[in-house]
Amino acid sequence: MRLPVLILTVTLISAIALSGCKRKERIPVQETIEEPDTSLVSTLNVADPRASQQLLKGWHEVEQNAWRWTMSKFSVLLKPPRTAAEKGATLELKLAVPDAVTSKVKSVTLSAKVNDTALAPETFSQAGEYTYSRDVPAKVLAGETVEVSFTLDKFLPPGAADARELGVIVTTVGLEPK
């Protein structure tokens, strides 16, 4: 007789336990789509993945997580600093001219235009790190964005050692407020 009481007790406990458990509603899992950061900036670290949207043309892939080679013509889209339409700004391009370039072409002249307004060129005749810095007039910076175009008079054409056209190495480019 003990066995039927035991079976009855186990069945009763199981029924009570199961009646207290309710099936949880399944919540559907939806993949979220993150919006890309579309806010433009005044100064770019060209190795930052977010910078790619502002690098218009003439840029090679990031190297050593720090810099990019350019081609002979390269351009960038920048947001003028908040006070630039009244006070102007300073364009700064931090670059390196490698020995591989100066040993072949001797000197490189860099020219720049901001929205088709030419800025004074600068010539680099030795390998090294430089900052190309030029004042940009306020009247050129009145819009939401400006296109800055750079041109090198000499560069390394594609060859056996590297199939890319190589100009200079750039780390940052931007408009600094005055």
N, C-alpha and C. Protein backbone atom coordinates (compact mmCIF):
# COMPACT_ATOMS: atom_id res chain seq x y z
N MET A 1 0.79 -1.18 0.00
CA MET A 1 0.00 0.00 0.00
C MET A 1 0.84 1.26 0.00
N ARG A 2 1.98 1.10 0.43
CA ARG A 2 2.82 2.29 0.48
C ARG A 2 3.17 2.79 -0.92
N LEU A 3 3.33 1.92 -1.87
CA LEU A 3 3.71 2.31 -3.21
C LEU A 3 2.63 3.18 -3.87
N PRO A 4 1.31 2.83 -3.80
CA PRO A 4 0.30 3.70 -4.39
C PRO A 4 0.26 5.06 -3.72
N VAL A 5 0.48 5.15 -2.42
CA VAL A 5 0.48 6.45 -1.74
C VAL A 5 1.66 7.27 -2.24
N LEU A 6 2.78 6.64 -2.40
CA LEU A 6 3.99 7.33 -2.90
C LEU A 6 3.76 7.84 -4.32
N ILE A 7 3.18 7.02 -5.17
CA ILE A 7 2.89 7.43 -6.55
C ILE A 7 1.90 8.58 -6.56
N LEU A 8 0.88 8.47 -5.73
CA LEU A 8 -0.12 9.53 -5.65
C LEU A 8 0.51 10.83 -5.16
N THR A 9 1.39 10.76 -4.19
CA THR A 9 2.05 11.95 -3.65
C THR A 9 2.95 12.59 -4.70
N VAL A 10 3.72 11.80 -5.40
CA VAL A 10 4.62 12.32 -6.45
C VAL A 10 3.79 12.96 -7.56
N THR A 11 2.70 12.31 -7.96
CA THR A 11 1.85 12.85 -9.01
C THR A 11 1.23 14.17 -8.58
N LEU A 12 0.76 14.23 -7.34
CA LEU A 12 0.14 15.45 -6.82
C LEU A 12 1.16 16.58 -6.75
N ILE A 13 2.36 16.31 -6.27
CA ILE A 13 3.41 17.35 -6.19
C ILE A 13 3.79 17.82 -7.60
N SER A 14 3.89 16.90 -8.54
CA SER A 14 4.22 17.27 -9.92
C SER A 14 3.14 18.14 -10.52
N ALA A 15 1.88 17.80 -10.27
CA ALA A 15 0.75 18.58 -10.81
C ALA A 15 0.76 19.99 -10.23
N ILE A 16 1.03 20.10 -8.94
CA ILE A 16 1.06 21.43 -8.29
C ILE A 16 2.22 22.25 -8.85
N ALA A 17 3.37 21.61 -8.98
CA ALA A 17 4.55 22.31 -9.48
C ALA A 17 4.34 22.79 -10.92
N LEU A 18 3.76 21.94 -11.74
CA LEU A 18 3.54 22.31 -13.13
C LEU A 18 2.47 23.37 -13.29
N SER A 19 1.48 23.37 -12.42
CA SER A 19 0.42 24.37 -12.54
C SER A 19 0.93 25.75 -12.16
N GLY A 20 1.97 25.82 -11.34
CA GLY A 20 2.54 27.12 -10.95
C GLY A 20 3.45 27.69 -12.02
N CYS A 21 3.92 26.85 -12.93
CA CYS A 21 4.81 27.31 -13.98
C CYS A 21 3.98 27.78 -15.15
N LYS A 22 4.17 28.98 -15.51
CA LYS A 22 3.49 29.50 -16.68
C LYS A 22 4.50 29.66 -17.79
N ARG A 23 4.03 29.42 -18.93
CA ARG A 23 4.90 29.57 -20.08
C ARG A 23 5.18 31.06 -20.31
N LYS A 24 6.43 31.39 -20.41
CA LYS A 24 6.78 32.80 -20.64
C LYS A 24 6.58 33.13 -22.10
N GLU A 25 6.13 34.34 -22.32
CA GLU A 25 5.95 34.78 -23.70
C GLU A 25 7.31 34.96 -24.33
N ARG A 26 7.41 34.52 -25.53
CA ARG A 26 8.66 34.70 -26.25
C ARG A 26 8.70 36.11 -26.81
N ILE A 27 9.77 36.78 -26.54
CA ILE A 27 9.97 38.11 -27.08
C ILE A 27 10.82 37.96 -28.33
N PRO A 28 10.31 38.43 -29.45
CA PRO A 28 11.09 38.26 -30.68
C PRO A 28 12.36 39.11 -30.62
N VAL A 29 13.44 38.52 -31.05
CA VAL A 29 14.72 39.22 -31.09
C VAL A 29 14.83 39.87 -32.45
N GLN A 30 15.06 41.17 -32.43
CA GLN A 30 15.20 41.89 -33.68
C GLN A 30 16.60 42.45 -33.77
N GLU A 31 17.17 42.34 -34.94
CA GLU A 31 18.50 42.87 -35.15
C GLU A 31 18.39 44.39 -35.18
N THR A 32 19.28 45.05 -34.46
CA THR A 32 19.28 46.50 -34.48
C THR A 32 20.24 46.99 -35.55
N ILE A 33 19.86 48.02 -36.18
CA ILE A 33 20.71 48.62 -37.21
C ILE A 33 21.19 49.94 -36.66
N GLU A 34 22.49 50.01 -36.43
CA GLU A 34 23.05 51.25 -35.92
C GLU A 34 23.26 52.20 -37.07
N GLU A 35 22.82 53.40 -36.86
CA GLU A 35 23.01 54.42 -37.88
C GLU A 35 24.47 54.85 -37.88
N PRO A 36 25.08 55.02 -39.05
CA PRO A 36 26.45 55.49 -39.07
C PRO A 36 26.51 56.94 -38.57
N ASP A 37 27.65 57.28 -38.00
CA ASP A 37 27.83 58.65 -37.52
C ASP A 37 28.02 59.54 -38.74
N THR A 38 27.02 60.34 -39.04
CA THR A 38 27.08 61.18 -40.22
C THR A 38 27.48 62.60 -39.91
N SER A 39 27.86 62.87 -38.69
CA SER A 39 28.25 64.22 -38.35
C SER A 39 29.66 64.48 -38.86
N LEU A 40 29.80 65.56 -39.59
CA LEU A 40 31.08 65.94 -40.14
C LEU A 40 31.88 66.71 -39.10
N VAL A 41 33.19 66.63 -39.20
CA VAL A 41 34.06 67.31 -38.24
C VAL A 41 34.99 68.27 -38.96
N SER A 42 35.59 69.15 -38.18
CA SER A 42 36.51 70.15 -38.72
C SER A 42 37.92 69.61 -38.90
N THR A 43 38.32 68.68 -38.03
CA THR A 43 39.66 68.11 -38.09
C THR A 43 39.56 66.59 -38.09
N LEU A 44 40.28 65.96 -39.02
CA LEU A 44 40.24 64.52 -39.18
C LEU A 44 41.57 63.88 -38.87
N ASN A 45 41.52 62.79 -38.13
CA ASN A 45 42.64 61.87 -38.06
C ASN A 45 42.34 60.90 -39.19
N VAL A 46 43.16 60.88 -40.22
CA VAL A 46 42.81 60.11 -41.43
C VAL A 46 42.80 58.60 -41.21
N ALA A 47 43.35 58.13 -40.09
CA ALA A 47 43.31 56.69 -39.80
C ALA A 47 42.02 56.27 -39.11
N ASP A 48 41.26 57.22 -38.60
CA ASP A 48 40.00 56.92 -37.93
C ASP A 48 39.00 56.41 -38.97
N PRO A 49 38.37 55.25 -38.73
CA PRO A 49 37.40 54.73 -39.70
C PRO A 49 36.26 55.71 -40.01
N ARG A 50 35.90 56.53 -39.05
CA ARG A 50 34.83 57.52 -39.30
C ARG A 50 35.26 58.60 -40.27
N ALA A 51 36.56 58.77 -40.46
CA ALA A 51 37.07 59.80 -41.36
C ALA A 51 36.80 59.47 -42.82
N SER A 52 36.62 58.21 -43.13
CA SER A 52 36.46 57.78 -44.52
C SER A 52 35.35 58.52 -45.25
N GLN A 53 34.27 58.86 -44.54
CA GLN A 53 33.16 59.56 -45.20
C GLN A 53 33.55 60.97 -45.64
N GLN A 54 34.63 61.51 -45.08
CA GLN A 54 35.05 62.87 -45.44
C GLN A 54 36.27 62.88 -46.36
N LEU A 55 36.88 61.74 -46.58
CA LEU A 55 38.01 61.65 -47.51
C LEU A 55 37.43 61.41 -48.90
N LEU A 56 37.49 62.41 -49.73
CA LEU A 56 36.78 62.35 -51.01
C LEU A 56 37.50 61.53 -52.07
N LYS A 57 38.75 61.86 -52.37
CA LYS A 57 39.47 61.11 -53.40
C LYS A 57 40.97 61.25 -53.17
N GLY A 58 41.71 60.28 -53.73
CA GLY A 58 43.16 60.34 -53.70
C GLY A 58 43.81 59.81 -52.44
N TRP A 59 43.11 58.98 -51.68
CA TRP A 59 43.64 58.43 -50.43
C TRP A 59 43.78 56.92 -50.54
N HIS A 60 44.91 56.39 -50.05
CA HIS A 60 45.09 54.95 -49.97
C HIS A 60 44.61 54.46 -48.61
N GLU A 61 44.61 53.16 -48.42
CA GLU A 61 44.14 52.55 -47.18
C GLU A 61 45.02 52.95 -45.99
N VAL A 62 44.46 52.84 -44.79
CA VAL A 62 45.19 53.15 -43.55
C VAL A 62 46.35 52.17 -43.40
N GLU A 63 47.48 52.70 -42.95
CA GLU A 63 48.65 51.87 -42.68
C GLU A 63 49.09 52.06 -41.24
N GLN A 64 49.47 50.98 -40.61
CA GLN A 64 49.94 50.96 -39.22
C GLN A 64 48.97 51.65 -38.26
N ASN A 65 47.69 51.62 -38.58
CA ASN A 65 46.64 52.24 -37.77
C ASN A 65 46.92 53.71 -37.45
N ALA A 66 47.67 54.39 -38.32
CA ALA A 66 48.08 55.75 -37.98
C ALA A 66 48.07 56.76 -39.12
N TRP A 67 48.20 56.32 -40.36
CA TRP A 67 48.36 57.28 -41.45
C TRP A 67 47.92 56.68 -42.78
N ARG A 68 47.91 57.53 -43.80
CA ARG A 68 47.58 57.09 -45.15
C ARG A 68 48.53 57.75 -46.15
N TRP A 69 48.89 57.00 -47.17
CA TRP A 69 49.54 57.60 -48.33
C TRP A 69 48.47 58.34 -49.13
N THR A 70 48.89 59.39 -49.82
CA THR A 70 48.01 60.06 -50.76
C THR A 70 48.48 59.78 -52.18
N MET A 71 47.64 60.14 -53.12
CA MET A 71 48.03 60.16 -54.52
C MET A 71 48.52 61.58 -54.81
N SER A 72 48.75 61.89 -56.06
CA SER A 72 49.23 63.24 -56.40
C SER A 72 48.15 64.29 -56.23
N LYS A 73 46.89 63.88 -56.33
CA LYS A 73 45.75 64.78 -56.09
C LYS A 73 44.85 64.11 -55.07
N PHE A 74 44.53 64.83 -54.00
CA PHE A 74 43.67 64.27 -52.96
C PHE A 74 42.81 65.38 -52.38
N SER A 75 41.65 64.99 -51.87
CA SER A 75 40.73 66.00 -51.35
C SER A 75 39.96 65.47 -50.15
N VAL A 76 39.41 66.43 -49.41
CA VAL A 76 38.70 66.13 -48.17
C VAL A 76 37.55 67.11 -48.01
N LEU A 77 36.49 66.67 -47.35
CA LEU A 77 35.35 67.52 -47.03
C LEU A 77 35.42 67.84 -45.54
N LEU A 78 35.40 69.13 -45.21
CA LEU A 78 35.51 69.54 -43.81
C LEU A 78 34.36 70.45 -43.42
N LYS A 79 34.02 70.39 -42.15
CA LYS A 79 33.03 71.31 -41.58
C LYS A 79 33.81 72.50 -41.01
N PRO A 80 33.50 73.70 -41.44
CA PRO A 80 34.22 74.85 -40.89
C PRO A 80 33.95 74.99 -39.38
N PRO A 81 34.94 75.47 -38.63
CA PRO A 81 34.70 75.73 -37.21
C PRO A 81 33.55 76.73 -37.03
N ARG A 82 32.95 76.72 -35.87
CA ARG A 82 31.76 77.53 -35.59
C ARG A 82 31.94 79.02 -35.92
N THR A 83 33.08 79.59 -35.63
CA THR A 83 33.30 81.03 -35.84
C THR A 83 33.99 81.35 -37.17
N ALA A 84 34.20 80.36 -38.01
CA ALA A 84 34.98 80.54 -39.24
C ALA A 84 34.36 81.52 -40.22
N ALA A 85 33.04 81.58 -40.30
CA ALA A 85 32.39 82.49 -41.26
C ALA A 85 32.63 83.95 -40.91
N GLU A 86 32.94 84.24 -39.64
CA GLU A 86 33.24 85.61 -39.23
C GLU A 86 34.74 85.88 -39.12
N LYS A 87 35.48 84.89 -38.61
CA LYS A 87 36.89 85.12 -38.30
C LYS A 87 37.88 84.41 -39.22
N GLY A 88 37.37 83.52 -40.07
CA GLY A 88 38.27 82.71 -40.88
C GLY A 88 38.77 81.52 -40.07
N ALA A 89 39.70 80.79 -40.62
CA ALA A 89 40.27 79.61 -39.95
C ALA A 89 41.66 79.36 -40.51
N THR A 90 42.32 78.38 -39.92
CA THR A 90 43.65 77.99 -40.39
C THR A 90 43.57 76.53 -40.86
N LEU A 91 43.96 76.31 -42.10
CA LEU A 91 44.03 74.95 -42.64
C LEU A 91 45.36 74.35 -42.20
N GLU A 92 45.30 73.15 -41.61
CA GLU A 92 46.52 72.46 -41.20
C GLU A 92 46.49 71.03 -41.73
N LEU A 93 47.57 70.68 -42.40
CA LEU A 93 47.77 69.33 -42.92
C LEU A 93 49.07 68.81 -42.33
N LYS A 94 48.98 67.79 -41.49
CA LYS A 94 50.20 67.18 -40.92
C LYS A 94 50.62 66.05 -41.86
N LEU A 95 51.83 66.17 -42.38
CA LEU A 95 52.29 65.26 -43.40
C LEU A 95 53.74 64.86 -43.19
N ALA A 96 54.13 63.82 -43.87
CA ALA A 96 55.52 63.40 -43.91
C ALA A 96 55.90 63.20 -45.37
N VAL A 97 57.09 63.66 -45.69
CA VAL A 97 57.64 63.42 -47.00
C VAL A 97 58.73 62.37 -46.79
N PRO A 98 58.49 61.14 -47.22
CA PRO A 98 59.45 60.06 -47.00
C PRO A 98 60.71 60.21 -47.86
N ASP A 99 61.80 59.65 -47.37
CA ASP A 99 63.06 59.65 -48.10
C ASP A 99 62.89 58.96 -49.46
N ALA A 100 62.02 57.96 -49.52
CA ALA A 100 61.77 57.26 -50.78
C ALA A 100 61.27 58.22 -51.86
N VAL A 101 60.55 59.26 -51.45
CA VAL A 101 60.04 60.26 -52.40
C VAL A 101 61.13 61.26 -52.76
N THR A 102 61.77 61.86 -51.74
CA THR A 102 62.78 62.90 -52.03
C THR A 102 64.00 62.33 -52.75
N SER A 103 64.33 61.07 -52.53
CA SER A 103 65.49 60.50 -53.22
C SER A 103 65.22 60.34 -54.72
N LYS A 104 63.96 60.22 -55.10
CA LYS A 104 63.61 60.06 -56.52
C LYS A 104 63.26 61.39 -57.20
N VAL A 105 62.48 62.25 -56.50
CA VAL A 105 61.98 63.46 -57.17
C VAL A 105 62.61 64.75 -56.63
N LYS A 106 63.49 64.65 -55.66
CA LYS A 106 64.25 65.76 -55.07
C LYS A 106 63.41 66.71 -54.23
N SER A 107 62.34 67.27 -54.76
CA SER A 107 61.47 68.16 -53.98
C SER A 107 60.02 67.96 -54.41
N VAL A 108 59.13 68.31 -53.49
CA VAL A 108 57.70 68.18 -53.75
C VAL A 108 57.04 69.50 -53.36
N THR A 109 56.23 70.06 -54.26
CA THR A 109 55.48 71.28 -53.95
C THR A 109 54.02 70.91 -53.75
N LEU A 110 53.49 71.30 -52.60
CA LEU A 110 52.10 71.04 -52.24
C LEU A 110 51.30 72.31 -52.43
N SER A 111 50.22 72.21 -53.19
CA SER A 111 49.29 73.33 -53.38
C SER A 111 47.94 72.93 -52.81
N ALA A 112 47.16 73.92 -52.37
CA ALA A 112 45.84 73.63 -51.81
C ALA A 112 44.83 74.66 -52.29
N LYS A 113 43.58 74.21 -52.37
CA LYS A 113 42.45 75.08 -52.68
C LYS A 113 41.35 74.76 -51.68
N VAL A 114 40.69 75.79 -51.19
CA VAL A 114 39.51 75.62 -50.34
C VAL A 114 38.35 76.22 -51.11
N ASN A 115 37.41 75.36 -51.51
CA ASN A 115 36.29 75.79 -52.36
C ASN A 115 36.77 76.64 -53.53
N ASP A 116 37.77 76.17 -54.25
CA ASP A 116 38.34 76.83 -55.43
C ASP A 116 39.12 78.11 -55.13
N THR A 117 39.35 78.45 -53.87
CA THR A 117 40.20 79.58 -53.51
C THR A 117 41.60 79.03 -53.24
N ALA A 118 42.55 79.44 -54.08
CA ALA A 118 43.91 78.91 -53.96
C ALA A 118 44.63 79.49 -52.75
N LEU A 119 45.39 78.62 -52.08
CA LEU A 119 46.23 79.02 -50.96
C LEU A 119 47.69 78.93 -51.42
N ALA A 120 48.57 79.60 -50.73
CA ALA A 120 49.98 79.61 -51.11
C ALA A 120 50.57 78.20 -51.03
N PRO A 121 51.33 77.80 -52.06
CA PRO A 121 51.96 76.48 -52.04
C PRO A 121 53.17 76.45 -51.11
N GLU A 122 53.66 75.24 -50.84
CA GLU A 122 54.88 75.09 -50.05
C GLU A 122 55.69 73.95 -50.66
N THR A 123 57.02 74.16 -50.71
CA THR A 123 57.91 73.16 -51.28
C THR A 123 58.71 72.49 -50.18
N PHE A 124 58.79 71.15 -50.27
CA PHE A 124 59.53 70.34 -49.31
C PHE A 124 60.66 69.66 -50.08
N SER A 125 61.90 69.96 -49.70
CA SER A 125 63.04 69.40 -50.43
C SER A 125 63.83 68.38 -49.62
N GLN A 126 63.43 68.16 -48.38
CA GLN A 126 64.07 67.16 -47.55
C GLN A 126 63.01 66.23 -46.97
N ALA A 127 63.42 65.00 -46.74
CA ALA A 127 62.52 64.06 -46.09
C ALA A 127 62.27 64.54 -44.66
N GLY A 128 61.06 64.32 -44.15
CA GLY A 128 60.76 64.71 -42.78
C GLY A 128 59.28 64.92 -42.56
N GLU A 129 58.95 65.32 -41.32
CA GLU A 129 57.57 65.60 -40.95
C GLU A 129 57.35 67.10 -40.98
N TYR A 130 56.19 67.48 -41.52
CA TYR A 130 55.88 68.90 -41.70
C TYR A 130 54.42 69.18 -41.37
N THR A 131 54.13 70.47 -41.16
CA THR A 131 52.75 70.93 -41.08
C THR A 131 52.57 72.02 -42.11
N TYR A 132 51.71 71.74 -43.09
CA TYR A 132 51.33 72.75 -44.07
C TYR A 132 50.22 73.55 -43.41
N SER A 133 50.45 74.84 -43.17
CA SER A 133 49.50 75.68 -42.44
C SER A 133 49.25 76.97 -43.21
N ARG A 134 47.97 77.23 -43.50
CA ARG A 134 47.61 78.44 -44.25
C ARG A 134 46.33 79.04 -43.68
N ASP A 135 46.29 80.38 -43.64
CA ASP A 135 45.07 81.07 -43.25
C ASP A 135 44.05 80.97 -44.37
N VAL A 136 42.80 80.76 -43.98
CA VAL A 136 41.70 80.66 -44.94
C VAL A 136 40.75 81.82 -44.64
N PRO A 137 40.45 82.67 -45.63
CA PRO A 137 39.57 83.81 -45.39
C PRO A 137 38.15 83.41 -45.00
N ALA A 138 37.52 84.23 -44.17
CA ALA A 138 36.17 83.96 -43.67
C ALA A 138 35.16 83.77 -44.80
N LYS A 139 35.26 84.56 -45.86
CA LYS A 139 34.27 84.50 -46.95
C LYS A 139 34.25 83.12 -47.62
N VAL A 140 35.33 82.39 -47.56
CA VAL A 140 35.41 81.06 -48.17
C VAL A 140 34.74 80.01 -47.28
N LEU A 141 34.57 80.31 -46.00
CA LEU A 141 34.09 79.33 -45.03
C LEU A 141 32.66 79.56 -44.58
N ALA A 142 31.85 80.23 -45.38
CA ALA A 142 30.49 80.59 -44.98
C ALA A 142 29.50 79.43 -45.04
N GLY A 143 29.80 78.36 -45.75
CA GLY A 143 28.85 77.26 -45.91
C GLY A 143 28.92 76.23 -44.79
N GLU A 144 28.09 75.20 -44.92
CA GLU A 144 28.07 74.09 -43.95
C GLU A 144 29.33 73.23 -44.06
N THR A 145 29.83 73.10 -45.30
CA THR A 145 31.03 72.31 -45.54
C THR A 145 31.90 73.01 -46.57
N VAL A 146 33.17 72.62 -46.60
CA VAL A 146 34.08 73.10 -47.62
C VAL A 146 34.86 71.91 -48.16
N GLU A 147 35.18 71.97 -49.44
CA GLU A 147 36.04 70.95 -50.04
C GLU A 147 37.44 71.52 -50.12
N VAL A 148 38.39 70.75 -49.58
CA VAL A 148 39.79 71.15 -49.64
C VAL A 148 40.49 70.18 -50.58
N SER A 149 41.08 70.72 -51.64
CA SER A 149 41.78 69.91 -52.64
C SER A 149 43.27 70.21 -52.58
N PHE A 150 44.05 69.15 -52.60
CA PHE A 150 45.50 69.28 -52.57
C PHE A 150 46.08 68.69 -53.85
N THR A 151 47.19 69.29 -54.31
CA THR A 151 47.88 68.80 -55.50
C THR A 151 49.38 68.82 -55.24
N LEU A 152 50.04 67.73 -55.62
CA LEU A 152 51.50 67.64 -55.55
C LEU A 152 52.06 67.76 -56.96
N ASP A 153 53.12 68.54 -57.11
CA ASP A 153 53.69 68.68 -58.46
C ASP A 153 54.49 67.45 -58.87
N LYS A 154 55.03 66.71 -57.87
CA LYS A 154 55.80 65.50 -58.17
C LYS A 154 55.36 64.39 -57.22
N PHE A 155 55.49 63.17 -57.67
CA PHE A 155 55.06 62.01 -56.89
C PHE A 155 55.74 60.77 -57.46
N LEU A 156 55.58 59.65 -56.79
CA LEU A 156 56.12 58.39 -57.29
C LEU A 156 55.04 57.68 -58.10
N PRO A 157 55.30 57.43 -59.37
CA PRO A 157 54.30 56.70 -60.16
C PRO A 157 54.28 55.23 -59.76
N PRO A 158 53.22 54.53 -60.12
CA PRO A 158 53.20 53.09 -59.84
C PRO A 158 54.41 52.41 -60.46
N GLY A 159 54.95 51.44 -59.73
CA GLY A 159 56.14 50.75 -60.24
C GLY A 159 56.20 49.32 -59.75
N ALA A 160 57.37 48.72 -59.90
CA ALA A 160 57.56 47.32 -59.50
C ALA A 160 57.49 47.16 -57.99
N ALA A 161 58.02 48.12 -57.24
CA ALA A 161 58.04 48.03 -55.78
C ALA A 161 56.65 48.26 -55.18
N ASP A 162 55.87 49.16 -55.78
CA ASP A 162 54.53 49.47 -55.27
C ASP A 162 53.66 49.85 -56.47
N ALA A 163 52.54 49.19 -56.62
CA ALA A 163 51.66 49.42 -57.77
C ALA A 163 50.80 50.67 -57.62
N ARG A 164 50.96 51.38 -56.51
CA ARG A 164 50.16 52.58 -56.26
C ARG A 164 50.92 53.84 -56.64
N GLU A 165 50.18 54.88 -56.98
CA GLU A 165 50.76 56.22 -57.11
C GLU A 165 50.93 56.75 -55.69
N LEU A 166 52.14 57.20 -55.34
CA LEU A 166 52.42 57.65 -53.98
C LEU A 166 52.85 59.11 -53.95
N GLY A 167 52.19 59.87 -53.08
CA GLY A 167 52.51 61.28 -52.94
C GLY A 167 53.23 61.55 -51.63
N VAL A 168 52.45 61.84 -50.60
CA VAL A 168 52.97 62.08 -49.26
C VAL A 168 52.17 61.24 -48.27
N ILE A 169 52.66 61.20 -47.02
CA ILE A 169 51.97 60.49 -45.95
C ILE A 169 51.27 61.54 -45.09
N VAL A 170 49.99 61.32 -44.80
CA VAL A 170 49.21 62.28 -44.00
C VAL A 170 48.67 61.60 -42.75
N THR A 171 48.70 62.35 -41.63
CA THR A 171 48.10 61.84 -40.39
C THR A 171 46.83 62.60 -40.03
N THR A 172 46.84 63.93 -40.17
CA THR A 172 45.65 64.71 -39.87
C THR A 172 45.49 65.86 -40.87
N VAL A 173 44.24 66.28 -41.03
CA VAL A 173 43.93 67.44 -41.86
C VAL A 173 42.73 68.12 -41.21
N GLY A 174 42.76 69.46 -41.16
CA GLY A 174 41.62 70.12 -40.53
C GLY A 174 41.67 71.63 -40.63
N LEU A 175 40.56 72.20 -40.21
CA LEU A 175 40.42 73.65 -40.10
C LEU A 175 40.37 74.01 -38.62
N GLU A 176 41.33 74.81 -38.20
CA GLU A 176 41.42 75.23 -36.81
C GLU A 176 40.83 76.63 -36.68
N PRO A 177 40.04 76.90 -35.63
CA PRO A 177 39.48 78.23 -35.46
C PRO A 177 40.57 79.27 -35.16
N LYS A 178 40.28 80.49 -35.54
CA LYS A 178 41.23 81.60 -35.24
C LYS A 178 40.84 82.22 -33.92
